[in-house]
Amino acid sequence: MSNSSNFRQAIREAQNQSIIGPNVIPNALPYLGGGLILTAVGTYGGLGVISSRPDIFMPTFWVAMIAEIVLFFVARGVAAKGNNSVALPLLALYSVLSGYTLSGLVFIALSTSGVGIQGVGIAALGCGVTFIVGRNIGSNLSDEDGLALAQTIRLGMIALIVVLVGQLLFSVFGVYTPSWLEIGISGLGVALFAGAAVVDFYILPRTYDDEQYLPAALSMYLTYINLFVFILRLLIALNGRD
């Protein structure tokens, strides 16, 4: 659901749509778990590069970022066509690259007083708790409530993108980003992706059939990776940077 380029389409398809994939989420969970494990491997590798060869981290970061963006669109398109044998290795590589690009933020968290490894653990735990709560709530939403929440989250995502672009422009032009703005952006991101986790369990069974587990897994993966990122950003913003 959080791959927002398809967000409006997913809502439209879910309107007045009965469940077509009652088992799509259980089928997707092993691939979601595998993707998160590969992301952790990529993050560990990135931290190793930062520690041993900090001079090459940023050049490799940008290469990984560009490759990650390209792989996302290619893998999503292949998965949507049901070509799982081709999509799976592409998504596996995407997960590793995602972890590598995430390692910079994790390094900052580990270096920030008051965050450290316990903060990374809190962010991961927060994603796990959100998954449990979101599945319970989202699976039991009525059509009216599910669509209303989905529309609200969509509008919030648009607002989040706008403020993130603004923050990026601030940094590009050397304008200092106030700590309260970073806290507000991070808090908004946490709230939106927690809501997106709920919406996933409502929309996905109405959008994908049981054999379309890879697109469903990718959607959930993006939700929880983004939730992890924004929880970590919030913890860093609240504790300040050394």
Protein backbone atom coordinates (compact mmCIF):
# COMPACT_ATOMS: atom_id res chain seq x y z
CA MET A 1 0.00 0.00 0.00
CA SER A 2 2.81 2.40 0.78
CA ASN A 3 4.22 2.26 -2.74
CA SER A 4 2.25 5.47 -3.23
CA SER A 5 2.42 5.56 -7.03
CA ASN A 6 -0.22 2.82 -6.97
CA PHE A 7 -1.99 4.09 -3.86
CA ARG A 8 -4.96 5.73 -5.57
CA GLN A 9 -5.38 2.76 -7.90
CA ALA A 10 -5.34 0.36 -4.94
CA ILE A 11 -8.06 2.35 -3.19
CA ARG A 12 -10.15 2.47 -6.35
CA GLU A 13 -9.82 -1.27 -6.87
CA ALA A 14 -10.72 -1.94 -3.25
CA GLN A 15 -13.95 0.04 -3.41
CA ASN A 16 -16.93 -2.29 -3.23
CA GLN A 17 -14.53 -5.16 -3.90
CA SER A 18 -14.99 -8.43 -2.09
CA ILE A 19 -11.96 -10.31 -0.84
CA ILE A 20 -10.25 -12.04 -3.78
CA GLY A 21 -7.12 -13.18 -1.95
CA PRO A 22 -8.07 -14.51 1.49
CA ASN A 23 -4.66 -16.15 1.83
CA VAL A 24 -2.49 -13.60 0.03
CA ILE A 25 -1.10 -12.11 3.26
CA PRO A 26 -0.15 -15.47 4.84
CA ASN A 27 1.41 -16.44 1.50
CA ALA A 28 3.37 -13.16 1.44
CA LEU A 29 4.69 -13.32 5.01
CA PRO A 30 7.67 -15.67 4.38
CA TYR A 31 8.83 -13.38 1.57
CA LEU A 32 8.33 -10.31 3.74
CA GLY A 33 10.40 -11.95 6.48
CA GLY A 34 13.07 -13.00 4.01
CA GLY A 35 13.25 -9.48 2.60
CA LEU A 36 13.69 -7.97 6.06
CA ILE A 37 16.48 -10.47 6.86
CA LEU A 38 18.28 -9.57 3.63
CA THR A 39 17.85 -5.90 4.52
CA ALA A 40 19.53 -6.55 7.86
CA VAL A 41 22.39 -8.26 6.00
CA GLY A 42 22.74 -5.24 3.70
CA THR A 43 22.73 -2.89 6.69
CA TYR A 44 25.41 -4.93 8.42
CA GLY A 45 27.52 -4.80 5.26
CA GLY A 46 27.04 -1.04 4.99
CA LEU A 47 28.09 -0.54 8.61
CA GLY A 48 31.19 -2.59 7.88
CA VAL A 49 32.07 -0.34 4.95
CA ILE A 50 31.52 2.78 7.06
CA SER A 51 33.84 1.42 9.74
CA SER A 52 36.59 0.06 7.50
CA ARG A 53 36.42 2.23 4.36
CA PRO A 54 34.45 5.40 5.10
CA ASP A 55 36.01 7.04 2.03
CA ILE A 56 34.11 4.77 -0.34
CA PHE A 57 30.79 4.64 1.51
CA MET A 58 29.14 7.71 -0.05
CA PRO A 59 30.08 6.84 -3.66
CA THR A 60 28.79 3.28 -3.16
CA PHE A 61 25.73 4.64 -1.33
CA TRP A 62 24.68 6.67 -4.39
CA VAL A 63 25.30 3.75 -6.72
CA ALA A 64 23.21 1.50 -4.45
CA MET A 65 20.47 4.14 -4.21
CA ILE A 66 20.16 4.49 -7.98
CA ALA A 67 20.22 0.72 -8.48
CA GLU A 68 17.62 0.32 -5.72
CA ILE A 69 15.22 2.76 -7.39
CA VAL A 70 15.60 1.06 -10.78
CA LEU A 71 15.18 -2.41 -9.25
CA PHE A 72 12.05 -1.33 -7.40
CA PHE A 73 10.17 -0.39 -10.55
CA VAL A 74 11.49 -3.34 -12.55
CA ALA A 75 10.77 -5.90 -9.81
CA ARG A 76 7.33 -4.47 -9.08
CA GLY A 77 6.38 -4.63 -12.74
CA VAL A 78 7.61 -8.21 -13.12
CA ALA A 79 5.88 -9.29 -9.91
CA ALA A 80 2.61 -7.66 -10.98
CA LYS A 81 2.67 -9.81 -14.13
CA GLY A 82 2.93 -12.94 -12.01
CA ASN A 83 6.45 -13.86 -13.13
CA ASN A 84 7.53 -14.83 -9.63
CA SER A 85 10.63 -16.81 -10.64
CA VAL A 86 12.15 -13.65 -12.16
CA ALA A 87 10.76 -11.20 -9.61
CA LEU A 88 12.04 -13.08 -6.55
CA PRO A 89 15.81 -12.64 -7.14
CA LEU A 90 15.21 -9.02 -8.17
CA LEU A 91 13.33 -8.36 -4.94
CA ALA A 92 16.06 -10.15 -2.95
CA LEU A 93 18.73 -7.87 -4.44
CA TYR A 94 16.47 -4.86 -3.87
CA SER A 95 16.20 -5.80 -0.18
CA VAL A 96 20.00 -6.03 0.20
CA LEU A 97 20.51 -2.66 -1.48
CA SER A 98 17.78 -1.16 0.68
CA GLY A 99 19.67 -2.31 3.76
CA TYR A 100 22.92 -0.85 2.45
CA THR A 101 21.35 2.58 1.91
CA LEU A 102 19.74 2.33 5.35
CA SER A 103 23.09 1.72 7.05
CA GLY A 104 23.95 5.43 7.15
CA LEU A 105 20.90 6.22 9.26
CA VAL A 106 21.56 3.21 11.50
CA PHE A 107 25.17 4.39 11.95
CA ILE A 108 23.94 7.82 13.03
CA ALA A 109 21.52 6.17 15.47
CA LEU A 110 24.27 4.00 16.93
CA SER A 111 26.47 7.09 17.34
CA THR A 112 23.77 9.22 18.96
CA SER A 113 23.75 9.44 22.72
CA GLY A 114 20.47 8.12 24.09
CA VAL A 115 19.67 6.08 20.98
CA GLY A 116 22.37 3.48 20.29
CA ILE A 117 21.64 -0.18 19.72
CA GLN A 118 18.67 -0.01 22.08
CA GLY A 119 17.09 2.64 19.85
CA VAL A 120 17.51 0.44 16.79
CA GLY A 121 15.90 -2.37 18.77
CA ILE A 122 13.02 -0.11 19.81
CA ALA A 123 12.41 0.85 16.17
CA ALA A 124 12.38 -2.81 15.13
CA LEU A 125 10.11 -3.72 18.05
CA GLY A 126 7.78 -0.88 17.14
CA CYS A 127 7.42 -2.34 13.65
CA GLY A 128 6.62 -5.76 15.10
CA VAL A 129 3.98 -4.42 17.47
CA THR A 130 2.47 -2.36 14.64
CA PHE A 131 2.26 -5.50 12.50
CA ILE A 132 0.36 -7.41 15.20
CA VAL A 133 -2.02 -4.56 16.01
CA GLY A 134 -2.44 -3.56 12.36
CA ARG A 135 -3.36 -7.07 11.29
CA ASN A 136 -6.00 -7.34 13.99
CA ILE A 137 -7.55 -3.96 13.19
CA GLY A 138 -7.15 -3.90 9.41
CA SER A 139 -8.55 -7.38 8.85
CA ASN A 140 -11.74 -6.39 10.65
CA LEU A 141 -12.37 -2.96 9.13
CA SER A 142 -15.66 -2.39 7.39
CA ASP A 143 -15.58 -1.20 3.80
CA GLU A 144 -16.62 2.29 4.84
CA ASP A 145 -14.00 2.59 7.56
CA GLY A 146 -11.25 0.95 5.48
CA LEU A 147 -11.74 3.26 2.51
CA ALA A 148 -12.00 6.34 4.75
CA LEU A 149 -8.74 5.46 6.50
CA ALA A 150 -7.05 4.71 3.17
CA GLN A 151 -8.06 8.11 1.76
CA THR A 152 -6.82 9.85 4.91
CA ILE A 153 -3.47 8.08 4.74
CA ARG A 154 -3.14 8.94 1.04
CA LEU A 155 -3.62 12.64 1.74
CA GLY A 156 -1.16 12.43 4.61
CA MET A 157 1.42 10.78 2.35
CA ILE A 158 1.13 13.67 -0.10
CA ALA A 159 1.71 16.13 2.74
CA LEU A 160 4.68 14.11 3.98
CA ILE A 161 6.29 14.09 0.53
CA VAL A 162 5.88 17.87 0.31
CA VAL A 163 7.57 18.52 3.66
CA LEU A 164 10.35 16.01 2.90
CA VAL A 165 11.07 17.77 -0.39
CA GLY A 166 11.11 21.07 1.49
CA GLN A 167 13.54 19.67 4.05
CA LEU A 168 15.77 18.38 1.25
CA LEU A 169 15.81 21.81 -0.39
CA PHE A 170 16.74 23.36 2.96
CA SER A 171 19.75 21.06 3.21
CA VAL A 172 20.78 21.58 -0.44
CA PHE A 173 20.82 25.36 -0.01
CA GLY A 174 22.58 25.15 3.35
CA VAL A 175 19.58 26.21 5.43
CA TYR A 176 19.60 24.71 8.91
CA THR A 177 16.65 22.42 9.62
CA PRO A 178 15.19 23.26 13.05
CA SER A 179 15.01 20.29 15.43
CA TRP A 180 11.30 20.81 15.97
CA LEU A 181 10.71 20.44 12.21
CA GLU A 182 12.64 17.16 12.12
CA ILE A 183 10.65 15.92 15.12
CA GLY A 184 7.39 16.93 13.44
CA ILE A 185 8.30 15.28 10.13
CA SER A 186 9.42 12.09 11.85
CA GLY A 187 6.34 11.97 14.07
CA LEU A 188 4.08 12.46 11.05
CA GLY A 189 5.90 9.67 9.22
CA VAL A 190 5.50 7.28 12.15
CA ALA A 191 1.76 8.01 12.39
CA LEU A 192 1.19 7.69 8.64
CA PHE A 193 3.07 4.42 8.19
CA ALA A 194 1.45 2.94 11.28
CA GLY A 195 -1.87 3.79 9.63
CA ALA A 196 -0.60 2.36 6.34
CA ALA A 197 0.12 -0.92 8.14
CA VAL A 198 -3.54 -1.10 9.13
CA VAL A 199 -4.68 -0.21 5.61
CA ASP A 200 -2.46 -2.92 4.08
CA PHE A 201 -4.43 -5.64 5.82
CA TYR A 202 -7.65 -4.15 4.50
CA ILE A 203 -6.59 -3.40 0.91
CA LEU A 204 -4.24 -6.25 -0.03
CA PRO A 205 -6.76 -9.13 0.14
CA ARG A 206 -9.11 -7.02 -1.99
CA THR A 207 -6.43 -6.13 -4.54
CA TYR A 208 -4.34 -9.29 -5.02
CA ASP A 209 -5.33 -12.92 -5.39
CA ASP A 210 -3.57 -15.67 -3.46
CA GLU A 211 -0.91 -16.17 -6.15
CA GLN A 212 0.09 -12.49 -6.18
CA TYR A 213 1.98 -12.79 -2.92
CA LEU A 214 5.14 -11.03 -4.12
CA PRO A 215 3.48 -7.66 -4.89
CA ALA A 216 1.70 -7.95 -1.53
CA ALA A 217 4.98 -8.73 0.22
CA LEU A 218 6.65 -5.73 -1.46
CA SER A 219 3.84 -3.45 -0.33
CA MET A 220 4.14 -4.60 3.28
CA TYR A 221 7.93 -4.47 3.11
CA LEU A 222 7.84 -0.80 2.09
CA THR A 223 5.41 0.00 4.89
CA TYR A 224 7.56 -1.52 7.62
CA ILE A 225 10.90 -0.28 6.29
CA ASN A 226 9.52 3.25 6.17
CA LEU A 227 8.01 2.88 9.63
CA PHE A 228 11.40 1.71 10.95
CA VAL A 229 13.13 4.67 9.29
CA PHE A 230 10.75 7.25 10.75
CA ILE A 231 10.82 5.75 14.26
CA LEU A 232 14.62 5.85 14.13
CA ARG A 233 14.61 9.41 12.79
CA LEU A 234 12.26 10.44 15.60
CA LEU A 235 14.50 8.88 18.26
CA ILE A 236 17.55 10.64 16.79
CA ALA A 237 15.72 13.98 16.63
CA LEU A 238 14.47 13.68 20.21
CA ASN A 239 17.91 12.80 21.58
CA GLY A 240 19.95 15.16 19.43
CA ARG A 241 23.07 14.39 17.46
CA ASP A 242 26.55 14.31 18.89
